[in-house]
């Protein structure tokens, strides 16, 4: 009789412990799932804010600095103008480092009028030489937006340059409630020994309404034909 009673008490105790452990594990799992959901949401918000913040930082970065250019580059900038961006890389698939340089007219902020008198900026292509100097081979005043063009309430829309394996791109970003990013890419032709328009991409999105879908339009050679770098005009209506 005593043995039977001990067995019954032991069984009840084990069953009770199992229930507590199961409940504890279930609560732990639910808590983990809740924390994971909260964490995902937080991380998503941080990522979105981080991306927008990085764009703003990049958007403003070059404005705060006057580029200290070497003498070898200063010679390509006319009097009364200042460089606002440079980037080195391989532009023509040879053994020498090349350079892109963008310069602006001094005081453009107060004299430029995007409709009547845009103070145009110039992008020049400099090809590296065996003696480590540069040779100016192409330039265009209609490939970088003026200081008050395209940017809207965000101001100057010029974001920077990109070079990769004979391709180079000019990036712009601006707007207000509706934001627009435009990336224009050129590709080097060894046969023609020139750069031609490769892609012209525009992406628009609403800055605050997540329900508004992004719109993306990418034009290629089949849309615009053969366009040499020096003939491209960013101000021309599509």
C-alpha atoms as a PDB file:
ATOM      1  CA  UNK A   1       0.000   0.000   0.000  1.00  0.00           C
ATOM      2  CA  UNK A   2       2.792   2.384   0.891  1.00  0.00           C
ATOM      3  CA  UNK A   3       4.606   1.458  -2.322  1.00  0.00           C
ATOM      4  CA  UNK A   4       1.490   2.204  -4.373  1.00  0.00           C
ATOM      5  CA  UNK A   5       1.022   5.589  -2.710  1.00  0.00           C
ATOM      6  CA  UNK A   6       4.640   6.567  -3.336  1.00  0.00           C
ATOM      7  CA  UNK A   7       4.281   5.591  -7.004  1.00  0.00           C
ATOM      8  CA  UNK A   8       1.125   7.741  -7.389  1.00  0.00           C
ATOM      9  CA  UNK A   9       2.775  10.795  -5.741  1.00  0.00           C
ATOM     10  CA  UNK A  10       5.883  10.395  -7.917  1.00  0.00           C
ATOM     11  CA  UNK A  11       3.784  10.164 -11.094  1.00  0.00           C
ATOM     12  CA  UNK A  12       1.820  13.307 -10.226  1.00  0.00           C
ATOM     13  CA  UNK A  13       5.051  15.194  -9.484  1.00  0.00           C
ATOM     14  CA  UNK A  14       6.689  14.205 -12.810  1.00  0.00           C
ATOM     15  CA  UNK A  15       3.525  15.075 -14.782  1.00  0.00           C
ATOM     16  CA  UNK A  16       3.355  18.452 -13.062  1.00  0.00           C
ATOM     17  CA  UNK A  17       7.006  19.183 -13.851  1.00  0.00           C
ATOM     18  CA  UNK A  18       6.543  18.197 -17.496  1.00  0.00           C
ATOM     19  CA  UNK A  19       3.580  20.565 -17.794  1.00  0.00           C
ATOM     20  CA  UNK A  20       5.587  23.399 -16.262  1.00  0.00           C
ATOM     21  CA  UNK A  21       8.515  22.719 -18.576  1.00  0.00           C
ATOM     22  CA  UNK A  22       6.253  22.544 -21.630  1.00  0.00           C
ATOM     23  CA  UNK A  23       4.539  25.767 -20.621  1.00  0.00           C
ATOM     24  CA  UNK A  24       7.890  27.416 -20.007  1.00  0.00           C
ATOM     25  CA  UNK A  25       9.194  26.319 -23.409  1.00  0.00           C
ATOM     26  CA  UNK A  26       6.010  27.524 -25.120  1.00  0.00           C
ATOM     27  CA  UNK A  27       6.198  30.906 -23.383  1.00  0.00           C
ATOM     28  CA  UNK A  28       9.880  31.144 -24.287  1.00  0.00           C
ATOM     29  CA  UNK A  29       9.131  30.345 -27.924  1.00  0.00           C
ATOM     30  CA  UNK A  30       6.307  32.888 -28.082  1.00  0.00           C
ATOM     31  CA  UNK A  31       8.525  35.502 -26.470  1.00  0.00           C
ATOM     32  CA  UNK A  32      11.318  34.765 -28.957  1.00  0.00           C
ATOM     33  CA  UNK A  33       8.917  35.066 -31.906  1.00  0.00           C
ATOM     34  CA  UNK A  34       7.602  38.367 -30.564  1.00  0.00           C
ATOM     35  CA  UNK A  35      11.125  39.676 -30.030  1.00  0.00           C
ATOM     36  CA  UNK A  36      12.103  38.540 -33.516  1.00  0.00           C
ATOM     37  CA  UNK A  37       9.146  40.346 -35.050  1.00  0.00           C
ATOM     38  CA  UNK A  38       9.924  43.475 -33.074  1.00  0.00           C
ATOM     39  CA  UNK A  39      13.585  43.189 -34.026  1.00  0.00           C
ATOM     40  CA  UNK A  40      12.763  42.730 -37.720  1.00  0.00           C
ATOM     41  CA  UNK A  41      10.526  45.775 -37.697  1.00  0.00           C
ATOM     42  CA  UNK A  42      13.110  47.875 -35.887  1.00  0.00           C
ATOM     43  CA  UNK A  43      15.905  46.751 -38.193  1.00  0.00           C
ATOM     44  CA  UNK A  44      13.784  47.493 -41.247  1.00  0.00           C
ATOM     45  CA  UNK A  45      13.075  51.008 -40.007  1.00  0.00           C
ATOM     46  CA  UNK A  46      16.735  51.552 -39.171  1.00  0.00           C
ATOM     47  CA  UNK A  47      17.754  50.284 -42.610  1.00  0.00           C
ATOM     48  CA  UNK A  48      15.293  52.586 -44.358  1.00  0.00           C
ATOM     49  CA  UNK A  49      16.436  55.563 -42.297  1.00  0.00           C
ATOM     50  CA  UNK A  50      20.068  54.614 -42.802  1.00  0.00           C
ATOM     51  CA  UNK A  51      19.672  54.460 -46.588  1.00  0.00           C
ATOM     52  CA  UNK A  52      17.961  57.844 -46.717  1.00  0.00           C
ATOM     53  CA  UNK A  53      20.570  59.298 -44.373  1.00  0.00           C
ATOM     54  CA  UNK A  54      23.428  57.925 -46.473  1.00  0.00           C
ATOM     55  CA  UNK A  55      21.892  59.481 -49.584  1.00  0.00           C
ATOM     56  CA  UNK A  56      21.656  62.827 -47.824  1.00  0.00           C
ATOM     57  CA  UNK A  57      25.261  62.578 -46.617  1.00  0.00           C
ATOM     58  CA  UNK A  58      26.478  61.692 -50.088  1.00  0.00           C
ATOM     59  CA  UNK A  59      24.277  64.432 -51.537  1.00  0.00           C
ATOM     60  CA  UNK A  60      25.929  67.080 -49.363  1.00  0.00           C
ATOM     61  CA  UNK A  61      29.459  65.728 -49.004  1.00  0.00           C
ATOM     62  CA  UNK A  62      31.255  67.393 -51.879  1.00  0.00           C
ATOM     63  CA  UNK A  63      29.600  70.771 -51.197  1.00  0.00           C
ATOM     64  CA  UNK A  64      31.486  71.220 -47.956  1.00  0.00           C
ATOM     65  CA  UNK A  65      34.924  70.669 -49.493  1.00  0.00           C
ATOM     66  CA  UNK A  66      37.031  72.590 -51.978  1.00  0.00           C
ATOM     67  CA  UNK A  67      38.969  69.941 -53.829  1.00  0.00           C
ATOM     68  CA  UNK A  68      42.711  70.267 -53.493  1.00  0.00           C
ATOM     69  CA  UNK A  69      43.678  69.163 -56.973  1.00  0.00           C
ATOM     70  CA  UNK A  70      47.206  68.447 -58.161  1.00  0.00           C
ATOM     71  CA  UNK A  71      48.694  70.829 -60.724  1.00  0.00           C
ATOM     72  CA  UNK A  72      48.256  68.161 -63.398  1.00  0.00           C
ATOM     73  CA  UNK A  73      44.456  68.512 -63.032  1.00  0.00           C
ATOM     74  CA  UNK A  74      44.182  72.229 -62.283  1.00  0.00           C
ATOM     75  CA  UNK A  75      45.350  73.008 -65.798  1.00  0.00           C
ATOM     76  CA  UNK A  76      42.091  71.592 -67.175  1.00  0.00           C
ATOM     77  CA  UNK A  77      39.852  73.912 -65.147  1.00  0.00           C
ATOM     78  CA  UNK A  78      39.159  77.363 -66.665  1.00  0.00           C
ATOM     79  CA  UNK A  79      39.636  80.522 -64.649  1.00  0.00           C
ATOM     80  CA  UNK A  80      36.519  81.344 -62.634  1.00  0.00           C
ATOM     81  CA  UNK A  81      35.561  77.688 -62.230  1.00  0.00           C
ATOM     82  CA  UNK A  82      36.044  75.129 -59.449  1.00  0.00           C
ATOM     83  CA  UNK A  83      36.133  71.320 -59.458  1.00  0.00           C
ATOM     84  CA  UNK A  84      33.266  69.706 -57.557  1.00  0.00           C
ATOM     85  CA  UNK A  85      34.081  66.053 -58.145  1.00  0.00           C
ATOM     86  CA  UNK A  86      36.816  63.794 -59.493  1.00  0.00           C
ATOM     87  CA  UNK A  87      37.098  60.038 -59.837  1.00  0.00           C
ATOM     88  CA  UNK A  88      39.909  57.848 -61.128  1.00  0.00           C
ATOM     89  CA  UNK A  89      39.537  54.459 -62.771  1.00  0.00           C
ATOM     90  CA  UNK A  90      39.846  52.496 -65.983  1.00  0.00           C
ATOM     91  CA  UNK A  91      37.896  54.279 -68.705  1.00  0.00           C
ATOM     92  CA  UNK A  92      39.418  52.775 -71.849  1.00  0.00           C
ATOM     93  CA  UNK A  93      40.766  49.339 -70.888  1.00  0.00           C
ATOM     94  CA  UNK A  94      44.471  50.156 -71.053  1.00  0.00           C
ATOM     95  CA  UNK A  95      47.321  50.040 -68.531  1.00  0.00           C
ATOM     96  CA  UNK A  96      46.984  53.611 -67.280  1.00  0.00           C
ATOM     97  CA  UNK A  97      44.728  55.203 -64.719  1.00  0.00           C
ATOM     98  CA  UNK A  98      42.163  57.642 -66.140  1.00  0.00           C
ATOM     99  CA  UNK A  99      40.122  60.435 -64.580  1.00  0.00           C
ATOM    100  CA  UNK A 100      36.675  62.003 -64.688  1.00  0.00           C
ATOM    101  CA  UNK A 101      36.387  65.597 -63.488  1.00  0.00           C
ATOM    102  CA  UNK A 102      33.344  67.824 -63.021  1.00  0.00           C
ATOM    103  CA  UNK A 103      33.711  71.583 -62.584  1.00  0.00           C
ATOM    104  CA  UNK A 104      31.268  74.421 -61.945  1.00  0.00           C
ATOM    105  CA  UNK A 105      31.202  78.170 -62.421  1.00  0.00           C
ATOM    106  CA  UNK A 106      32.049  80.059 -59.234  1.00  0.00           C
ATOM    107  CA  UNK A 107      28.952  81.650 -57.694  1.00  0.00           C
ATOM    108  CA  UNK A 108      26.553  79.394 -59.588  1.00  0.00           C
ATOM    109  CA  UNK A 109      24.218  79.239 -56.583  1.00  0.00           C
ATOM    110  CA  UNK A 110      23.256  82.880 -57.021  1.00  0.00           C
ATOM    111  CA  UNK A 111      23.374  83.181 -60.821  1.00  0.00           C
ATOM    112  CA  UNK A 112      21.859  79.930 -62.092  1.00  0.00           C
ATOM    113  CA  UNK A 113      18.244  79.856 -63.256  1.00  0.00           C
ATOM    114  CA  UNK A 114      17.111  76.394 -64.269  1.00  0.00           C
ATOM    115  CA  UNK A 115      14.589  77.749 -66.789  1.00  0.00           C
ATOM    116  CA  UNK A 116      16.109  80.855 -68.325  1.00  0.00           C
ATOM    117  CA  UNK A 117      19.833  80.603 -67.593  1.00  0.00           C
ATOM    118  CA  UNK A 118      21.115  77.342 -66.092  1.00  0.00           C
ATOM    119  CA  UNK A 119      24.770  77.644 -65.120  1.00  0.00           C
ATOM    120  CA  UNK A 120      25.930  74.473 -66.801  1.00  0.00           C
ATOM    121  CA  UNK A 121      28.594  72.213 -65.370  1.00  0.00           C
ATOM    122  CA  UNK A 122      31.230  70.454 -67.425  1.00  0.00           C
ATOM    123  CA  UNK A 123      32.321  66.833 -67.229  1.00  0.00           C
ATOM    124  CA  UNK A 124      35.682  66.090 -68.827  1.00  0.00           C
ATOM    125  CA  UNK A 125      37.329  62.761 -69.614  1.00  0.00           C
ATOM    126  CA  UNK A 126      41.069  62.618 -68.969  1.00  0.00           C
ATOM    127  CA  UNK A 127      43.052  59.644 -70.254  1.00  0.00           C
ATOM    128  CA  UNK A 128      46.189  58.575 -68.406  1.00  0.00           C
ATOM    129  CA  UNK A 129      49.484  58.729 -70.319  1.00  0.00           C
ATOM    130  CA  UNK A 130      52.689  56.652 -69.963  1.00  0.00           C
ATOM    131  CA  UNK A 131      54.435  59.607 -68.271  1.00  0.00           C
ATOM    132  CA  UNK A 132      51.665  59.716 -65.628  1.00  0.00           C
ATOM    133  CA  UNK A 133      50.097  62.885 -67.039  1.00  0.00           C
ATOM    134  CA  UNK A 134      46.557  63.229 -68.385  1.00  0.00           C
ATOM    135  CA  UNK A 135      45.200  64.057 -71.818  1.00  0.00           C
ATOM    136  CA  UNK A 136      41.792  65.680 -72.249  1.00  0.00           C
ATOM    137  CA  UNK A 137      39.933  63.648 -74.883  1.00  0.00           C
ATOM    138  CA  UNK A 138      36.261  64.583 -74.403  1.00  0.00           C
ATOM    139  CA  UNK A 139      33.983  67.007 -72.567  1.00  0.00           C
ATOM    140  CA  UNK A 140      30.278  67.709 -72.233  1.00  0.00           C
ATOM    141  CA  UNK A 141      28.375  70.632 -70.643  1.00  0.00           C
ATOM    142  CA  UNK A 142      25.040  68.804 -70.868  1.00  0.00           C
ATOM    143  CA  UNK A 143      25.585  65.640 -68.876  1.00  0.00           C
ATOM    144  CA  UNK A 144      25.519  66.955 -65.274  1.00  0.00           C
ATOM    145  CA  UNK A 145      22.460  68.913 -64.117  1.00  0.00           C
ATOM    146  CA  UNK A 146      22.860  72.529 -63.078  1.00  0.00           C
ATOM    147  CA  UNK A 147      22.769  73.409 -59.367  1.00  0.00           C
ATOM    148  CA  UNK A 148      19.015  74.158 -59.343  1.00  0.00           C
ATOM    149  CA  UNK A 149      17.934  71.612 -61.958  1.00  0.00           C
ATOM    150  CA  UNK A 150      16.130  68.374 -61.100  1.00  0.00           C
ATOM    151  CA  UNK A 151      16.806  68.560 -57.347  1.00  0.00           C
ATOM    152  CA  UNK A 152      13.561  70.230 -56.252  1.00  0.00           C
ATOM    153  CA  UNK A 153      13.361  70.999 -52.530  1.00  0.00           C
ATOM    154  CA  UNK A 154      16.401  68.801 -51.894  1.00  0.00           C
ATOM    155  CA  UNK A 155      18.604  71.281 -53.713  1.00  0.00           C
ATOM    156  CA  UNK A 156      21.590  70.299 -55.808  1.00  0.00           C
ATOM    157  CA  UNK A 157      20.833  66.894 -57.348  1.00  0.00           C
ATOM    158  CA  UNK A 158      24.351  65.863 -58.360  1.00  0.00           C
ATOM    159  CA  UNK A 159      25.342  62.760 -56.363  1.00  0.00           C
ATOM    160  CA  UNK A 160      28.603  61.663 -57.887  1.00  0.00           C
ATOM    161  CA  UNK A 161      30.410  59.504 -60.434  1.00  0.00           C
ATOM    162  CA  UNK A 162      31.033  55.779 -60.859  1.00  0.00           C
ATOM    163  CA  UNK A 163      33.688  54.038 -62.980  1.00  0.00           C
ATOM    164  CA  UNK A 164      33.930  50.321 -63.695  1.00  0.00           C
ATOM    165  CA  UNK A 165      35.715  48.450 -66.485  1.00  0.00           C
ATOM    166  CA  UNK A 166      35.232  50.914 -69.316  1.00  0.00           C
ATOM    167  CA  UNK A 167      31.798  52.052 -68.093  1.00  0.00           C
ATOM    168  CA  UNK A 168      31.109  55.248 -66.203  1.00  0.00           C
ATOM    169  CA  UNK A 169      27.933  56.701 -64.705  1.00  0.00           C
ATOM    170  CA  UNK A 170      26.657  60.067 -63.505  1.00  0.00           C
ATOM    171  CA  UNK A 171      24.193  59.889 -60.611  1.00  0.00           C
ATOM    172  CA  UNK A 172      21.499  62.412 -59.646  1.00  0.00           C
ATOM    173  CA  UNK A 173      18.900  62.336 -56.887  1.00  0.00           C
ATOM    174  CA  UNK A 174      16.264  64.894 -55.918  1.00  0.00           C
ATOM    175  CA  UNK A 175      12.628  65.858 -55.483  1.00  0.00           C
ATOM    176  CA  UNK A 176      10.389  66.560 -52.525  1.00  0.00           C
ATOM    177  CA  UNK A 177       7.501  64.241 -51.602  1.00  0.00           C
ATOM    178  CA  UNK A 178       8.171  62.347 -54.801  1.00  0.00           C
ATOM    179  CA  UNK A 179      11.851  61.453 -55.096  1.00  0.00           C
ATOM    180  CA  UNK A 180      13.600  60.683 -58.364  1.00  0.00           C
ATOM    181  CA  UNK A 181      16.976  59.081 -58.992  1.00  0.00           C
ATOM    182  CA  UNK A 182      18.565  59.232 -62.434  1.00  0.00           C
ATOM    183  CA  UNK A 183      21.660  57.298 -63.473  1.00  0.00           C
ATOM    184  CA  UNK A 184      23.211  57.830 -66.900  1.00  0.00           C
ATOM    185  CA  UNK A 185      25.786  55.286 -68.030  1.00  0.00           C
ATOM    186  CA  UNK A 186      28.290  55.393 -70.893  1.00  0.00           C
ATOM    187  CA  UNK A 187      30.318  52.522 -72.344  1.00  0.00           C
ATOM    188  CA  UNK A 188      33.702  52.643 -74.058  1.00  0.00           C
ATOM    189  CA  UNK A 189      34.060  51.284 -77.604  1.00  0.00           C
ATOM    190  CA  UNK A 190      37.562  50.093 -78.497  1.00  0.00           C
ATOM    191  CA  UNK A 191      36.688  50.170 -82.197  1.00  0.00           C
ATOM    192  CA  UNK A 192      35.409  53.757 -82.145  1.00  0.00           C
ATOM    193  CA  UNK A 193      37.762  54.777 -79.309  1.00  0.00           C
ATOM    194  CA  UNK A 194      34.897  56.749 -77.825  1.00  0.00           C
ATOM    195  CA  UNK A 195      32.201  56.480 -75.163  1.00  0.00           C
ATOM    196  CA  UNK A 196      28.552  55.975 -76.084  1.00  0.00           C
ATOM    197  CA  UNK A 197      25.329  56.193 -74.114  1.00  0.00           C
ATOM    198  CA  UNK A 198      24.617  52.738 -72.721  1.00  0.00           C
ATOM    199  CA  UNK A 199      21.685  53.213 -70.323  1.00  0.00           C
ATOM    200  CA  UNK A 200      19.547  56.015 -68.962  1.00  0.00           C
ATOM    201  CA  UNK A 201      17.616  54.909 -65.905  1.00  0.00           C
ATOM    202  CA  UNK A 202      15.053  56.791 -63.837  1.00  0.00           C
ATOM    203  CA  UNK A 203      13.455  55.531 -60.612  1.00  0.00           C
ATOM    204  CA  UNK A 204      10.703  57.449 -58.798  1.00  0.00           C
ATOM    205  CA  UNK A 205       9.148  56.735 -55.419  1.00  0.00           C
ATOM    206  CA  UNK A 206       7.019  58.411 -52.750  1.00  0.00           C
ATOM    207  CA  UNK A 207       9.080  59.502 -49.744  1.00  0.00           C
ATOM    208  CA  UNK A 208       6.419  58.893 -47.074  1.00  0.00           C
ATOM    209  CA  UNK A 209       3.695  56.643 -48.526  1.00  0.00           C
ATOM    210  CA  UNK A 210       4.743  52.984 -48.543  1.00  0.00           C
ATOM    211  CA  UNK A 211       1.649  52.059 -50.570  1.00  0.00           C
ATOM    212  CA  UNK A 212       2.842  54.080 -53.528  1.00  0.00           C
ATOM    213  CA  UNK A 213       4.772  51.772 -55.824  1.00  0.00           C
ATOM    214  CA  UNK A 214       8.189  52.622 -57.191  1.00  0.00           C
ATOM    215  CA  UNK A 215       8.325  53.256 -60.915  1.00  0.00           C
ATOM    216  CA  UNK A 216      11.420  52.392 -62.896  1.00  0.00           C
ATOM    217  CA  UNK A 217      12.201  53.249 -66.505  1.00  0.00           C
ATOM    218  CA  UNK A 218      15.446  52.149 -68.136  1.00  0.00           C
ATOM    219  CA  UNK A 219      16.187  53.226 -71.680  1.00  0.00           C
ATOM    220  CA  UNK A 220      18.802  51.460 -73.771  1.00  0.00           C
ATOM    221  CA  UNK A 221      20.330  51.708 -77.244  1.00  0.00           C
ATOM    222  CA  UNK A 222      17.141  50.410 -78.848  1.00  0.00           C
ATOM    223  CA  UNK A 223      15.320  53.446 -77.419  1.00  0.00           C
ATOM    224  CA  UNK A 224      17.796  56.275 -78.080  1.00  0.00           C
ATOM    225  CA  UNK A 225      20.046  54.860 -80.830  1.00  0.00           C
ATOM    226  CA  UNK A 226      23.755  55.661 -81.023  1.00  0.00           C
ATOM    227  CA  UNK A 227      24.617  58.665 -78.861  1.00  0.00           C
ATOM    228  CA  UNK A 228      28.289  59.653 -78.395  1.00  0.00           C
ATOM    229  CA  UNK A 229      29.229  61.080 -74.998  1.00  0.00           C
ATOM    230  CA  UNK A 230      29.826  64.601 -76.331  1.00  0.00           C
ATOM    231  CA  UNK A 231      26.413  64.666 -78.064  1.00  0.00           C
ATOM    232  CA  UNK A 232      24.331  63.636 -75.063  1.00  0.00           C
ATOM    233  CA  UNK A 233      22.013  66.333 -73.697  1.00  0.00           C
ATOM    234  CA  UNK A 234      20.465  65.825 -70.262  1.00  0.00           C
ATOM    235  CA  UNK A 235      18.286  68.911 -70.734  1.00  0.00           C
ATOM    236  CA  UNK A 236      16.676  67.592 -73.892  1.00  0.00           C
ATOM    237  CA  UNK A 237      13.077  66.481 -73.472  1.00  0.00           C
ATOM    238  CA  UNK A 238      12.614  62.726 -73.887  1.00  0.00           C
END
